[in-house]
Amino acid sequence: MSIKRLIDAVEKIFLALIACFTVVAMGQEIWVLIENRRVALQDLLLMFIYAEVLGMLGAFYVRQRNLIILPLFIAMTALSRLIVLQGKDSDPIVLLYEAGAILLIALACWVTSRMRTEE
C-alpha cells in the first residue's frame, strides 16, 4: 500500500469519526431541547452549525471543488450565535467587531465564489 493511499484511508476514517461525533452532538442537543421543552434562537443556530459541519464533511468526502466557502459559512453562523448569546449587556464595540468579522467573511465568500465562476 502506498503512502498516499494510506493517508487517504486515514483521512476518510477521521472524516467518518467527525461525522459520527457531530451526529451524536446533534442528538444530545435535541435531547436537551426536548427536556427543556423550549427552543431558542441560539439553539437553532447551533443546529445550523451542526448541519453545516455535516455538509462540509460530505463535500470533503467526495472531493468537491471550492471547499473553502463551507468553513466560512460555519464561521459566520458561529459568530452570529456568539452575538445572540452575548445579550444586551455586552460592550457595543465588541458587537461592531463581530459584525465586521461577519462582513469580512461574507466578502471572502463572495470573492471566492466569483473566482470560481471565472474558471
Protein backbone atom coordinates (compact mmCIF):
# COMPACT_ATOMS: atom_id res chain seq x y z
CA MET A 1 0.00 0.00 0.00
CA SER A 2 1.42 3.37 -0.97
CA ILE A 3 1.76 6.25 1.49
CA LYS A 4 -0.82 8.33 -0.41
CA ARG A 5 -3.43 5.58 -0.22
CA LEU A 6 -2.72 5.13 3.49
CA ILE A 7 -3.10 8.86 4.15
CA ASP A 8 -6.33 8.92 2.10
CA ALA A 9 -7.69 5.98 4.09
CA VAL A 10 -6.82 7.61 7.42
CA GLU A 11 -8.42 10.85 6.24
CA LYS A 12 -11.64 9.00 5.33
CA ILE A 13 -11.68 7.32 8.74
CA PHE A 14 -11.28 10.64 10.54
CA LEU A 15 -13.99 12.25 8.42
CA ALA A 16 -16.33 9.39 9.33
CA LEU A 17 -15.46 9.79 13.03
CA ILE A 18 -16.08 13.53 12.90
CA ALA A 19 -19.43 12.89 11.20
CA CYS A 20 -20.38 10.36 13.90
CA PHE A 21 -19.40 12.75 16.68
CA THR A 22 -21.36 15.55 15.01
CA VAL A 23 -24.47 13.36 14.83
CA VAL A 24 -24.02 12.41 18.49
CA ALA A 25 -23.67 16.09 19.45
CA MET A 26 -26.82 16.90 17.46
CA GLY A 27 -28.66 14.10 19.25
CA GLN A 28 -27.53 15.39 22.63
CA GLU A 29 -28.67 18.91 21.76
CA ILE A 30 -32.05 17.63 20.59
CA TRP A 31 -32.39 15.68 23.83
CA VAL A 32 -31.72 18.84 25.86
CA LEU A 33 -34.29 20.73 23.78
CA ILE A 34 -36.88 18.02 24.39
CA GLU A 35 -36.15 18.03 28.13
CA ASN A 36 -36.40 21.83 28.33
CA ARG A 37 -39.46 21.97 26.04
CA ARG A 38 -38.12 25.21 24.66
CA VAL A 39 -36.21 26.15 21.50
CA ALA A 40 -34.34 29.45 21.37
CA LEU A 41 -32.58 31.20 18.52
CA GLN A 42 -29.15 30.14 19.77
CA ASP A 43 -30.31 26.51 19.68
CA LEU A 44 -31.35 26.86 16.05
CA LEU A 45 -28.04 28.49 15.15
CA LEU A 46 -26.19 25.64 16.84
CA MET A 47 -28.21 23.15 14.80
CA PHE A 48 -27.28 25.08 11.64
CA ILE A 49 -23.61 24.78 12.63
CA TYR A 50 -24.00 21.01 13.06
CA ALA A 51 -25.77 20.75 9.69
CA GLU A 52 -23.07 22.82 8.01
CA VAL A 53 -20.34 20.65 9.53
CA LEU A 54 -22.05 17.55 8.14
CA GLY A 55 -22.39 19.23 4.75
CA MET A 56 -18.73 20.17 4.80
CA LEU A 57 -17.74 16.61 5.70
CA GLY A 58 -19.82 15.28 2.82
CA ALA A 59 -18.16 17.73 0.44
CA PHE A 60 -14.69 16.77 1.69
CA TYR A 61 -15.56 13.10 1.33
CA VAL A 62 -16.46 13.38 -2.35
CA ARG A 63 -13.68 15.90 -3.06
CA GLN A 64 -15.78 18.71 -4.45
CA ARG A 65 -14.05 21.88 -5.52
CA ASN A 66 -14.12 25.21 -3.71
CA LEU A 67 -14.46 23.81 -0.20
CA ILE A 68 -13.25 26.99 1.49
CA ILE A 69 -16.74 28.50 1.42
CA LEU A 70 -18.23 25.88 3.74
CA PRO A 71 -15.96 26.61 6.73
CA LEU A 72 -16.57 30.31 6.12
CA PHE A 73 -20.33 29.74 6.36
CA ILE A 74 -19.76 27.87 9.61
CA ALA A 75 -17.67 30.76 10.94
CA MET A 76 -20.39 33.28 10.07
CA THR A 77 -23.03 31.15 11.80
CA ALA A 78 -20.80 30.71 14.85
CA LEU A 79 -20.20 34.46 15.09
CA SER A 80 -23.93 35.10 14.74
CA ARG A 81 -24.59 32.64 17.54
CA LEU A 82 -21.99 34.38 19.68
CA ILE A 83 -23.70 37.73 19.13
CA VAL A 84 -27.06 36.23 20.12
CA LEU A 85 -25.61 34.59 23.23
CA GLN A 86 -23.91 37.76 24.47
CA GLY A 87 -27.16 39.57 25.01
CA LYS A 88 -27.77 43.26 25.51
CA ASP A 89 -25.24 43.81 28.29
CA SER A 90 -22.13 43.35 26.16
CA ASP A 91 -19.87 46.17 25.06
CA PRO A 92 -21.17 47.77 21.81
CA ILE A 93 -17.67 47.94 20.31
CA VAL A 94 -17.40 44.15 20.62
CA LEU A 95 -20.63 43.82 18.67
CA LEU A 96 -19.20 46.07 15.96
CA TYR A 97 -16.03 43.98 15.76
CA GLU A 98 -18.03 40.76 15.50
CA ALA A 99 -20.34 42.25 12.86
CA GLY A 100 -17.26 43.46 10.98
CA ALA A 101 -15.81 39.97 11.11
CA ILE A 102 -19.04 38.57 9.66
CA LEU A 103 -18.91 41.18 6.92
CA LEU A 104 -15.29 40.30 6.09
CA ILE A 105 -16.11 36.60 5.98
CA ALA A 106 -19.11 37.30 3.73
CA LEU A 107 -16.85 39.34 1.46
CA ALA A 108 -14.38 36.44 1.35
CA CYS A 109 -17.24 34.09 0.38
CA TRP A 110 -18.30 36.46 -2.38
CA VAL A 111 -14.75 36.82 -3.74
CA THR A 112 -14.21 33.07 -3.62
CA SER A 113 -17.47 32.35 -5.41
CA ARG A 114 -16.66 34.96 -8.08
CA MET A 115 -13.26 33.36 -8.63
CA ARG A 116 -14.93 30.00 -9.15
CA THR A 117 -17.35 31.28 -11.76
CA GLU A 118 -14.47 32.77 -13.76
CA GLU A 119 -12.68 29.41 -14.02
